[in-house]
Amino acid sequence: MKKPDYMILVCNSYRVAGDAQGACNKQGATSLVQYITEECADRGIDAVVTTTACLSVCSQGPIMVVQPNNYWYGGVNKDKIDDILDALENGEAKTEYLIA
């Protein structure tokens, strides 16, 4: 199995009890996963895109994390995702959206 260049994690607010109830989920994080997946494919970015349990920064959600770079982005939406992926294609972070 070939390891992808990136793993993109999108907080979906799942809690220990299994219920998605936090800020990221309520702000449409689930729909962002498909958008990111399609954008990566269109751009030729070798990435696996998946949801996560709560990443515990609800006040800044939806949260997107790009690994192995460890870029944490907050308040993501489709416009910000486009900017983030543009920067990723250039081997950079979109610094104004970083939260950590």
PDB file of N, CA and C in Angstrom:
ATOM      1  N   MET A   1       0.836  -1.182   0.000  1.00  0.00           N
ATOM      2  CA  MET A   1       0.000   0.000   0.000  1.00  0.00           C
ATOM      3  C   MET A   1       0.881   1.244   0.000  1.00  0.00           C
ATOM      4  N   LYS A   2       0.579   2.156  -0.895  1.00  0.00           N
ATOM      5  CA  LYS A   2       1.306   3.420  -0.947  1.00  0.00           C
ATOM      6  C   LYS A   2       0.688   4.390   0.046  1.00  0.00           C
ATOM      7  N   LYS A   3       1.542   4.978   0.858  1.00  0.00           N
ATOM      8  CA  LYS A   3       1.084   5.969   1.823  1.00  0.00           C
ATOM      9  C   LYS A   3       0.785   7.280   1.097  1.00  0.00           C
ATOM     10  N   PRO A   4      -0.376   7.916   1.364  1.00  0.00           N
ATOM     11  CA  PRO A   4      -0.677   9.192   0.708  1.00  0.00           C
ATOM     12  C   PRO A   4       0.247  10.292   1.210  1.00  0.00           C
ATOM     13  N   ASP A   5       0.384  11.345   0.417  1.00  0.00           N
ATOM     14  CA  ASP A   5       1.209  12.477   0.824  1.00  0.00           C
ATOM     15  C   ASP A   5       0.612  13.221   2.019  1.00  0.00           C
ATOM     16  N   TYR A   6      -0.713  13.280   2.075  1.00  0.00           N
ATOM     17  CA  TYR A   6      -1.397  14.027   3.134  1.00  0.00           C
ATOM     18  C   TYR A   6      -2.565  13.235   3.691  1.00  0.00           C
ATOM     19  N   MET A   7      -2.849  13.488   4.951  1.00  0.00           N
ATOM     20  CA  MET A   7      -4.088  13.040   5.568  1.00  0.00           C
ATOM     21  C   MET A   7      -4.773  14.307   6.052  1.00  0.00           C
ATOM     22  N   ILE A   8      -5.989  14.527   5.577  1.00  0.00           N
ATOM     23  CA  ILE A   8      -6.742  15.710   5.955  1.00  0.00           C
ATOM     24  C   ILE A   8      -7.883  15.268   6.855  1.00  0.00           C
ATOM     25  N   LEU A   9      -7.879  15.797   8.066  1.00  0.00           N
ATOM     26  CA  LEU A   9      -8.857  15.435   9.081  1.00  0.00           C
ATOM     27  C   LEU A   9      -9.851  16.577   9.252  1.00  0.00           C
ATOM     28  N   VAL A  10     -11.116  16.256   9.266  1.00  0.00           N
ATOM     29  CA  VAL A  10     -12.160  17.256   9.474  1.00  0.00           C
ATOM     30  C   VAL A  10     -12.934  16.860  10.724  1.00  0.00           C
ATOM     31  N   CYS A  11     -12.937  17.751  11.717  1.00  0.00           N
ATOM     32  CA  CYS A  11     -13.668  17.463  12.948  1.00  0.00           C
ATOM     33  C   CYS A  11     -15.147  17.331  12.633  1.00  0.00           C
ATOM     34  N   ASN A  12     -15.740  16.242  13.134  1.00  0.00           N
ATOM     35  CA  ASN A  12     -17.175  16.054  12.958  1.00  0.00           C
ATOM     36  C   ASN A  12     -17.885  15.956  14.296  1.00  0.00           C
ATOM     37  N   SER A  13     -17.182  16.324  15.361  1.00  0.00           N
ATOM     38  CA  SER A  13     -17.780  16.502  16.686  1.00  0.00           C
ATOM     39  C   SER A  13     -18.304  15.241  17.354  1.00  0.00           C
ATOM     40  N   TYR A  14     -17.861  14.065  16.929  1.00  0.00           N
ATOM     41  CA  TYR A  14     -18.321  12.854  17.603  1.00  0.00           C
ATOM     42  C   TYR A  14     -17.788  12.840  19.021  1.00  0.00           C
ATOM     43  N   ARG A  15     -18.631  12.465  19.948  1.00  0.00           N
ATOM     44  CA  ARG A  15     -18.276  12.377  21.354  1.00  0.00           C
ATOM     45  C   ARG A  15     -18.107  10.912  21.742  1.00  0.00           C
ATOM     46  N   VAL A  16     -17.652  10.679  22.944  1.00  0.00           N
ATOM     47  CA  VAL A  16     -17.448   9.323  23.433  1.00  0.00           C
ATOM     48  C   VAL A  16     -18.732   8.504  23.290  1.00  0.00           C
ATOM     49  N   ALA A  17     -19.868   9.113  23.526  1.00  0.00           N
ATOM     50  CA  ALA A  17     -21.153   8.405  23.414  1.00  0.00           C
ATOM     51  C   ALA A  17     -21.543   8.147  21.963  1.00  0.00           C
ATOM     52  N   GLY A  18     -20.788   8.727  21.014  1.00  0.00           N
ATOM     53  CA  GLY A  18     -21.051   8.462  19.614  1.00  0.00           C
ATOM     54  C   GLY A  18     -21.946   9.468  18.917  1.00  0.00           C
ATOM     55  N   ASP A  19     -22.440  10.439  19.654  1.00  0.00           N
ATOM     56  CA  ASP A  19     -23.330  11.432  19.055  1.00  0.00           C
ATOM     57  C   ASP A  19     -22.551  12.616  18.519  1.00  0.00           C
ATOM     58  N   ALA A  20     -22.795  12.965  17.262  1.00  0.00           N
ATOM     59  CA  ALA A  20     -22.194  14.165  16.693  1.00  0.00           C
ATOM     60  C   ALA A  20     -23.050  15.340  17.120  1.00  0.00           C
ATOM     61  N   GLN A  21     -22.519  16.181  17.994  1.00  0.00           N
ATOM     62  CA  GLN A  21     -23.355  17.236  18.537  1.00  0.00           C
ATOM     63  C   GLN A  21     -22.645  18.566  18.708  1.00  0.00           C
ATOM     64  N   GLY A  22     -21.384  18.633  18.417  1.00  0.00           N
ATOM     65  CA  GLY A  22     -20.626  19.847  18.658  1.00  0.00           C
ATOM     66  C   GLY A  22     -20.707  20.856  17.538  1.00  0.00           C
ATOM     67  N   ALA A  23     -19.935  21.912  17.700  1.00  0.00           N
ATOM     68  CA  ALA A  23     -19.966  23.062  16.791  1.00  0.00           C
ATOM     69  C   ALA A  23     -19.610  22.689  15.357  1.00  0.00           C
ATOM     70  N   CYS A  24     -18.598  21.887  15.159  1.00  0.00           N
ATOM     71  CA  CYS A  24     -18.167  21.560  13.790  1.00  0.00           C
ATOM     72  C   CYS A  24     -19.272  20.863  13.021  1.00  0.00           C
ATOM     73  N   ASN A  25     -19.893  19.874  13.642  1.00  0.00           N
ATOM     74  CA  ASN A  25     -20.969  19.147  12.974  1.00  0.00           C
ATOM     75  C   ASN A  25     -22.146  20.067  12.687  1.00  0.00           C
ATOM     76  N   LYS A  26     -22.509  20.896  13.640  1.00  0.00           N
ATOM     77  CA  LYS A  26     -23.646  21.799  13.471  1.00  0.00           C
ATOM     78  C   LYS A  26     -23.376  22.848  12.391  1.00  0.00           C
ATOM     79  N   GLN A  27     -22.102  23.108  12.087  1.00  0.00           N
ATOM     80  CA  GLN A  27     -21.750  24.095  11.072  1.00  0.00           C
ATOM     81  C   GLN A  27     -21.437  23.460   9.723  1.00  0.00           C
ATOM     82  N   GLY A  28     -21.844  22.202   9.542  1.00  0.00           N
ATOM     83  CA  GLY A  28     -21.758  21.573   8.225  1.00  0.00           C
ATOM     84  C   GLY A  28     -20.452  20.889   7.882  1.00  0.00           C
ATOM     85  N   ALA A  29     -19.684  20.479   8.882  1.00  0.00           N
ATOM     86  CA  ALA A  29     -18.393  19.837   8.619  1.00  0.00           C
ATOM     87  C   ALA A  29     -18.523  18.597   7.751  1.00  0.00           C
ATOM     88  N   THR A  30     -19.604  17.850   7.904  1.00  0.00           N
ATOM     89  CA  THR A  30     -19.780  16.621   7.135  1.00  0.00           C
ATOM     90  C   THR A  30     -19.783  16.900   5.636  1.00  0.00           C
ATOM     91  N   SER A  31     -20.442  17.957   5.217  1.00  0.00           N
ATOM     92  CA  SER A  31     -20.500  18.265   3.785  1.00  0.00           C
ATOM     93  C   SER A  31     -19.152  18.730   3.252  1.00  0.00           C
ATOM     94  N   LEU A  32     -18.286  19.221   4.126  1.00  0.00           N
ATOM     95  CA  LEU A  32     -16.963  19.676   3.694  1.00  0.00           C
ATOM     96  C   LEU A  32     -16.065  18.514   3.279  1.00  0.00           C
ATOM     97  N   VAL A  33     -16.279  17.347   3.857  1.00  0.00           N
ATOM     98  CA  VAL A  33     -15.440  16.187   3.552  1.00  0.00           C
ATOM     99  C   VAL A  33     -15.523  15.841   2.067  1.00  0.00           C
ATOM    100  N   GLN A  34     -16.713  15.771   1.538  1.00  0.00           N
ATOM    101  CA  GLN A  34     -16.866  15.449   0.122  1.00  0.00           C
ATOM    102  C   GLN A  34     -16.244  16.543  -0.742  1.00  0.00           C
ATOM    103  N   TYR A  35     -16.447  17.789  -0.369  1.00  0.00           N
ATOM    104  CA  TYR A  35     -15.888  18.901  -1.131  1.00  0.00           C
ATOM    105  C   TYR A  35     -14.357  18.829  -1.157  1.00  0.00           C
ATOM    106  N   ILE A  36     -13.746  18.602  -0.002  1.00  0.00           N
ATOM    107  CA  ILE A  36     -12.280  18.513   0.077  1.00  0.00           C
ATOM    108  C   ILE A  36     -11.775  17.334  -0.751  1.00  0.00           C
ATOM    109  N   THR A  37     -12.456  16.195  -0.639  1.00  0.00           N
ATOM    110  CA  THR A  37     -12.068  14.997  -1.388  1.00  0.00           C
ATOM    111  C   THR A  37     -12.090  15.271  -2.892  1.00  0.00           C
ATOM    112  N   GLU A  38     -13.161  15.894  -3.368  1.00  0.00           N
ATOM    113  CA  GLU A  38     -13.283  16.187  -4.796  1.00  0.00           C
ATOM    114  C   GLU A  38     -12.245  17.215  -5.245  1.00  0.00           C
ATOM    115  N   GLU A  39     -12.012  18.235  -4.437  1.00  0.00           N
ATOM    116  CA  GLU A  39     -11.020  19.261  -4.778  1.00  0.00           C
ATOM    117  C   GLU A  39      -9.610  18.662  -4.840  1.00  0.00           C
ATOM    118  N   CYS A  40      -9.286  17.800  -3.888  1.00  0.00           N
ATOM    119  CA  CYS A  40      -7.964  17.152  -3.907  1.00  0.00           C
ATOM    120  C   CYS A  40      -7.812  16.313  -5.171  1.00  0.00           C
ATOM    121  N   ALA A  41      -8.837  15.558  -5.527  1.00  0.00           N
ATOM    122  CA  ALA A  41      -8.781  14.731  -6.734  1.00  0.00           C
ATOM    123  C   ALA A  41      -8.622  15.603  -7.975  1.00  0.00           C
ATOM    124  N   ASP A  42      -9.390  16.685  -8.066  1.00  0.00           N
ATOM    125  CA  ASP A  42      -9.306  17.584  -9.223  1.00  0.00           C
ATOM    126  C   ASP A  42      -7.930  18.229  -9.351  1.00  0.00           C
ATOM    127  N   ARG A  43      -7.289  18.492  -8.230  1.00  0.00           N
ATOM    128  CA  ARG A  43      -6.003  19.182  -8.214  1.00  0.00           C
ATOM    129  C   ARG A  43      -4.806  18.217  -8.273  1.00  0.00           C
ATOM    130  N   GLY A  44      -5.095  16.925  -8.156  1.00  0.00           N
ATOM    131  CA  GLY A  44      -4.012  15.950  -8.149  1.00  0.00           C
ATOM    132  C   GLY A  44      -3.263  15.896  -6.830  1.00  0.00           C
ATOM    133  N   ILE A  45      -3.909  16.332  -5.747  1.00  0.00           N
ATOM    134  CA  ILE A  45      -3.305  16.253  -4.413  1.00  0.00           C
ATOM    135  C   ILE A  45      -3.553  14.849  -3.875  1.00  0.00           C
ATOM    136  N   ASP A  46      -2.481  14.150  -3.535  1.00  0.00           N
ATOM    137  CA  ASP A  46      -2.571  12.783  -3.029  1.00  0.00           C
ATOM    138  C   ASP A  46      -2.903  12.838  -1.537  1.00  0.00           C
ATOM    139  N   ALA A  47      -4.204  12.746  -1.223  1.00  0.00           N
ATOM    140  CA  ALA A  47      -4.639  12.888   0.165  1.00  0.00           C
ATOM    141  C   ALA A  47      -5.775  11.931   0.489  1.00  0.00           C
ATOM    142  N   VAL A  48      -5.794  11.510   1.736  1.00  0.00           N
ATOM    143  CA  VAL A  48      -6.930  10.797   2.309  1.00  0.00           C
ATOM    144  C   VAL A  48      -7.662  11.834   3.154  1.00  0.00           C
ATOM    145  N   VAL A  49      -8.974  11.925   2.986  1.00  0.00           N
ATOM    146  CA  VAL A  49      -9.779  12.887   3.728  1.00  0.00           C
ATOM    147  C   VAL A  49     -10.751  12.099   4.596  1.00  0.00           C
ATOM    148  N   THR A  50     -10.800  12.418   5.890  1.00  0.00           N
ATOM    149  CA  THR A  50     -11.662  11.685   6.799  1.00  0.00           C
ATOM    150  C   THR A  50     -12.153  12.593   7.912  1.00  0.00           C
ATOM    151  N   THR A  51     -13.222  12.153   8.591  1.00  0.00           N
ATOM    152  CA  THR A  51     -13.719  12.886   9.738  1.00  0.00           C
ATOM    153  C   THR A  51     -13.082  12.348  11.010  1.00  0.00           C
ATOM    154  N   THR A  52     -13.169  13.138  12.055  1.00  0.00           N
ATOM    155  CA  THR A  52     -12.624  12.732  13.345  1.00  0.00           C
ATOM    156  C   THR A  52     -13.673  12.934  14.431  1.00  0.00           C
ATOM    157  N   ALA A  53     -13.333  12.448  15.585  1.00  0.00           N
ATOM    158  CA  ALA A  53     -14.101  12.787  16.776  1.00  0.00           C
ATOM    159  C   ALA A  53     -13.788  14.240  17.124  1.00  0.00           C
ATOM    160  N   CYS A  54     -14.382  14.732  18.174  1.00  0.00           N
ATOM    161  CA  CYS A  54     -14.194  16.122  18.581  1.00  0.00           C
ATOM    162  C   CYS A  54     -12.711  16.424  18.811  1.00  0.00           C
ATOM    163  N   LEU A  55     -12.233  17.513  18.211  1.00  0.00           N
ATOM    164  CA  LEU A  55     -10.844  17.935  18.366  1.00  0.00           C
ATOM    165  C   LEU A  55     -10.682  18.983  19.468  1.00  0.00           C
ATOM    166  N   SER A  56     -11.765  19.287  20.167  1.00  0.00           N
ATOM    167  CA  SER A  56     -11.763  20.127  21.369  1.00  0.00           C
ATOM    168  C   SER A  56     -11.372  21.582  21.150  1.00  0.00           C
ATOM    169  N   VAL A  57     -11.654  22.113  19.971  1.00  0.00           N
ATOM    170  CA  VAL A  57     -11.512  23.551  19.728  1.00  0.00           C
ATOM    171  C   VAL A  57     -12.815  24.054  19.096  1.00  0.00           C
ATOM    172  N   CYS A  58     -13.917  23.708  19.742  1.00  0.00           N
ATOM    173  CA  CYS A  58     -15.254  23.984  19.213  1.00  0.00           C
ATOM    174  C   CYS A  58     -15.467  25.455  18.888  1.00  0.00           C
ATOM    175  N   SER A  59     -14.892  26.332  19.675  1.00  0.00           N
ATOM    176  CA  SER A  59     -15.102  27.767  19.468  1.00  0.00           C
ATOM    177  C   SER A  59     -14.530  28.252  18.142  1.00  0.00           C
ATOM    178  N   GLN A  60     -13.666  27.441  17.513  1.00  0.00           N
ATOM    179  CA  GLN A  60     -13.045  27.847  16.261  1.00  0.00           C
ATOM    180  C   GLN A  60     -13.439  26.956  15.090  1.00  0.00           C
ATOM    181  N   GLY A  61     -14.482  26.154  15.272  1.00  0.00           N
ATOM    182  CA  GLY A  61     -14.880  25.197  14.247  1.00  0.00           C
ATOM    183  C   GLY A  61     -15.600  25.817  13.073  1.00  0.00           C
ATOM    184  N   PRO A  62     -15.748  25.056  12.024  1.00  0.00           N
ATOM    185  CA  PRO A  62     -15.212  23.720  11.780  1.00  0.00           C
ATOM    186  C   PRO A  62     -13.678  23.718  11.680  1.00  0.00           C
ATOM    187  N   ILE A  63     -13.114  22.635  12.162  1.00  0.00           N
ATOM    188  CA  ILE A  63     -11.659  22.460  12.213  1.00  0.00           C
ATOM    189  C   ILE A  63     -11.224  21.481  11.130  1.00  0.00           C
ATOM    190  N   MET A  64     -10.101  21.822  10.478  1.00  0.00           N
ATOM    191  CA  MET A  64      -9.478  20.952   9.471  1.00  0.00           C
ATOM    192  C   MET A  64      -7.995  20.868   9.804  1.00  0.00           C
ATOM    193  N   VAL A  65      -7.461  19.656   9.844  1.00  0.00           N
ATOM    194  CA  VAL A  65      -6.052  19.440  10.158  1.00  0.00           C
ATOM    195  C   VAL A  65      -5.393  18.742   8.972  1.00  0.00           C
ATOM    196  N   VAL A  66      -4.250  19.261   8.533  1.00  0.00           N
ATOM    197  CA  VAL A  66      -3.497  18.661   7.440  1.00  0.00           C
ATOM    198  C   VAL A  66      -2.248  18.015   8.027  1.00  0.00           C
ATOM    199  N   GLN A  67      -2.149  16.699   7.863  1.00  0.00           N
ATOM    200  CA  GLN A  67      -0.980  15.943   8.313  1.00  0.00           C
ATOM    201  C   GLN A  67      -0.222  15.450   7.097  1.00  0.00           C
ATOM    202  N   PRO A  68       1.068  15.300   7.094  1.00  0.00           N
ATOM    203  CA  PRO A  68       1.951  15.323   8.249  1.00  0.00           C
ATOM    204  C   PRO A  68       2.442  16.724   8.627  1.00  0.00           C
ATOM    205  N   ASN A  69       1.930  17.766   8.004  1.00  0.00           N
ATOM    206  CA  ASN A  69       2.391  19.128   8.264  1.00  0.00           C
ATOM    207  C   ASN A  69       1.950  19.662   9.617  1.00  0.00           C
ATOM    208  N   ASN A  70       0.912  19.053  10.193  1.00  0.00           N
ATOM    209  CA  ASN A  70       0.334  19.489  11.459  1.00  0.00           C
ATOM    210  C   ASN A  70      -0.203  20.914  11.380  1.00  0.00           C
ATOM    211  N   TYR A  71      -0.841  21.242  10.254  1.00  0.00           N
ATOM    212  CA  TYR A  71      -1.505  22.529  10.080  1.00  0.00           C
ATOM    213  C   TYR A  71      -2.930  22.409  10.614  1.00  0.00           C
ATOM    214  N   TRP A  72      -3.280  23.220  11.588  1.00  0.00           N
ATOM    215  CA  TRP A  72      -4.623  23.252  12.160  1.00  0.00           C
ATOM    216  C   TRP A  72      -5.319  24.522  11.689  1.00  0.00           C
ATOM    217  N   TYR A  73      -6.428  24.351  10.973  1.00  0.00           N
ATOM    218  CA  TYR A  73      -7.185  25.480  10.438  1.00  0.00           C
ATOM    219  C   TYR A  73      -8.544  25.558  11.118  1.00  0.00           C
ATOM    220  N   GLY A  74      -8.982  26.778  11.400  1.00  0.00           N
ATOM    221  CA  GLY A  74     -10.276  26.976  12.036  1.00  0.00           C
ATOM    222  C   GLY A  74     -11.223  27.769  11.166  1.00  0.00           C
ATOM    223  N   GLY A  75     -12.509  27.616  11.469  1.00  0.00           N
ATOM    224  CA  GLY A  75     -13.546  28.340  10.756  1.00  0.00           C
ATOM    225  C   GLY A  75     -13.585  28.037   9.272  1.00  0.00           C
ATOM    226  N   VAL A  76     -13.263  26.782   8.919  1.00  0.00           N
ATOM    227  CA  VAL A  76     -13.164  26.457   7.492  1.00  0.00           C
ATOM    228  C   VAL A  76     -14.537  26.423   6.823  1.00  0.00           C
ATOM    229  N   ASN A  77     -14.540  26.867   5.589  1.00  0.00           N
ATOM    230  CA  ASN A  77     -15.701  26.802   4.705  1.00  0.00           C
ATOM    231  C   ASN A  77     -15.142  26.558   3.304  1.00  0.00           C
ATOM    232  N   LYS A  78     -15.986  26.470   2.307  1.00  0.00           N
ATOM    233  CA  LYS A  78     -15.509  26.129   0.958  1.00  0.00           C
ATOM    234  C   LYS A  78     -14.518  27.155   0.416  1.00  0.00           C
ATOM    235  N   ASP A  79     -14.747  28.435   0.671  1.00  0.00           N
ATOM    236  CA  ASP A  79     -13.805  29.455   0.192  1.00  0.00           C
ATOM    237  C   ASP A  79     -12.439  29.306   0.850  1.00  0.00           C
ATOM    238  N   LYS A  80     -12.443  29.087   2.153  1.00  0.00           N
ATOM    239  CA  LYS A  80     -11.168  28.915   2.869  1.00  0.00           C
ATOM    240  C   LYS A  80     -10.475  27.627   2.428  1.00  0.00           C
ATOM    241  N   ILE A  81     -11.253  26.587   2.194  1.00  0.00           N
ATOM    242  CA  ILE A  81     -10.665  25.317   1.742  1.00  0.00           C
ATOM    243  C   ILE A  81      -9.944  25.518   0.418  1.00  0.00           C
ATOM    244  N   ASP A  82     -10.540  26.264  -0.488  1.00  0.00           N
ATOM    245  CA  ASP A  82      -9.875  26.545  -1.766  1.00  0.00           C
ATOM    246  C   ASP A  82      -8.537  27.232  -1.539  1.00  0.00           C
ATOM    247  N   ASP A  83      -8.503  28.219  -0.654  1.00  0.00           N
ATOM    248  CA  ASP A  83      -7.257  28.930  -0.343  1.00  0.00           C
ATOM    249  C   ASP A  83      -6.236  27.998   0.311  1.00  0.00           C
ATOM    250  N   ILE A  84      -6.704  27.159   1.221  1.00  0.00           N
ATOM    251  CA  ILE A  84      -5.819  26.223   1.926  1.00  0.00           C
ATOM    252  C   ILE A  84      -5.208  25.241   0.939  1.00  0.00           C
ATOM    253  N   LEU A  85      -6.022  24.704   0.034  1.00  0.00           N
ATOM    254  CA  LEU A  85      -5.507  23.744  -0.945  1.00  0.00           C
ATOM    255  C   LEU A  85      -4.590  24.424  -1.959  1.00  0.00           C
ATOM    256  N   ASP A  86      -4.860  25.681  -2.312  1.00  0.00           N
ATOM    257  CA  ASP A  86      -3.936  26.435  -3.170  1.00  0.00           C
ATOM    258  C   ASP A  86      -2.561  26.514  -2.511  1.00  0.00           C
ATOM    259  N   ALA A  87      -2.542  26.856  -1.232  1.00  0.00           N
ATOM    260  CA  ALA A  87      -1.279  26.956  -0.504  1.00  0.00           C
ATOM    261  C   ALA A  87      -0.600  25.594  -0.397  1.00  0.00           C
ATOM    262  N   LEU A  88      -1.383  24.552  -0.139  1.00  0.00           N
ATOM    263  CA  LEU A  88      -0.829  23.208  -0.014  1.00  0.00           C
ATOM    264  C   LEU A  88      -0.155  22.768  -1.315  1.00  0.00           C
ATOM    265  N   GLU A  89      -0.756  23.128  -2.448  1.00  0.00           N
ATOM    266  CA  GLU A  89      -0.155  22.807  -3.746  1.00  0.00           C
ATOM    267  C   GLU A  89       1.216  23.466  -3.903  1.00  0.00           C
ATOM    268  N   ASN A  90       1.409  24.598  -3.238  1.00  0.00           N
ATOM    269  CA  ASN A  90       2.683  25.313  -3.288  1.00  0.00           C
ATOM    270  C   ASN A  90       3.606  24.938  -2.136  1.00  0.00           C
ATOM    271  N   GLY A  91       3.209  23.921  -1.360  1.00  0.00           N
ATOM    272  CA  GLY A  91       4.030  23.471  -0.247  1.00  0.00           C
ATOM    273  C   GLY A  91       4.040  24.435   0.925  1.00  0.00           C
ATOM    274  N   GLU A  92       2.969  25.204   1.064  1.00  0.00           N
ATOM    275  CA  GLU A  92       2.898  26.226   2.108  1.00  0.00           C
ATOM    276  C   GLU A  92       1.642  26.047   2.949  1.00  0.00           C
ATOM    277  N   ALA A  93       1.627  26.760   4.077  1.00  0.00           N
ATOM    278  CA  ALA A  93       0.427  26.860   4.897  1.00  0.00           C
ATOM    279  C   ALA A  93      -0.297  28.147   4.537  1.00  0.00           C
ATOM    280  N   LYS A  94      -1.574  28.164   4.705  1.00  0.00           N
ATOM    281  CA  LYS A  94      -2.358  29.404   4.579  1.00  0.00           C
ATOM    282  C   LYS A  94      -2.385  30.011   5.985  1.00  0.00           C
ATOM    283  N   THR A  95      -1.366  30.797   6.287  1.00  0.00           N
ATOM    284  CA  THR A  95      -1.093  31.208   7.661  1.00  0.00           C
ATOM    285  C   THR A  95      -2.223  31.976   8.326  1.00  0.00           C
ATOM    286  N   GLU A  96      -2.977  32.772   7.562  1.00  0.00           N
ATOM    287  CA  GLU A  96      -4.023  33.561   8.215  1.00  0.00           C
ATOM    288  C   GLU A  96      -5.191  32.714   8.735  1.00  0.00           C
ATOM    289  N   TYR A  97      -5.285  31.457   8.324  1.00  0.00           N
ATOM    290  CA  TYR A  97      -6.352  30.579   8.809  1.00  0.00           C
ATOM    291  C   TYR A  97      -5.862  29.606   9.883  1.00  0.00           C
ATOM    292  N   LEU A  98      -4.568  29.587  10.162  1.00  0.00           N
ATOM    293  CA  LEU A  98      -4.027  28.657  11.166  1.00  0.00           C
ATOM    294  C   LEU A  98      -4.474  29.047  12.561  1.00  0.00           C
ATOM    295  N   ILE A  99      -4.811  28.048  13.355  1.00  0.00           N
ATOM    296  CA  ILE A  99      -5.176  28.304  14.747  1.00  0.00           C
ATOM    297  C   ILE A  99      -4.139  27.742  15.713  1.00  0.00           C
ATOM    298  N   ALA A 100      -3.216  26.970  15.212  1.00  0.00           N
ATOM    299  CA  ALA A 100      -2.170  26.388  16.075  1.00  0.00           C
ATOM    300  C   ALA A 100      -0.901  26.206  15.271  1.00  0.00           C
TER     301      ALA A 100
END
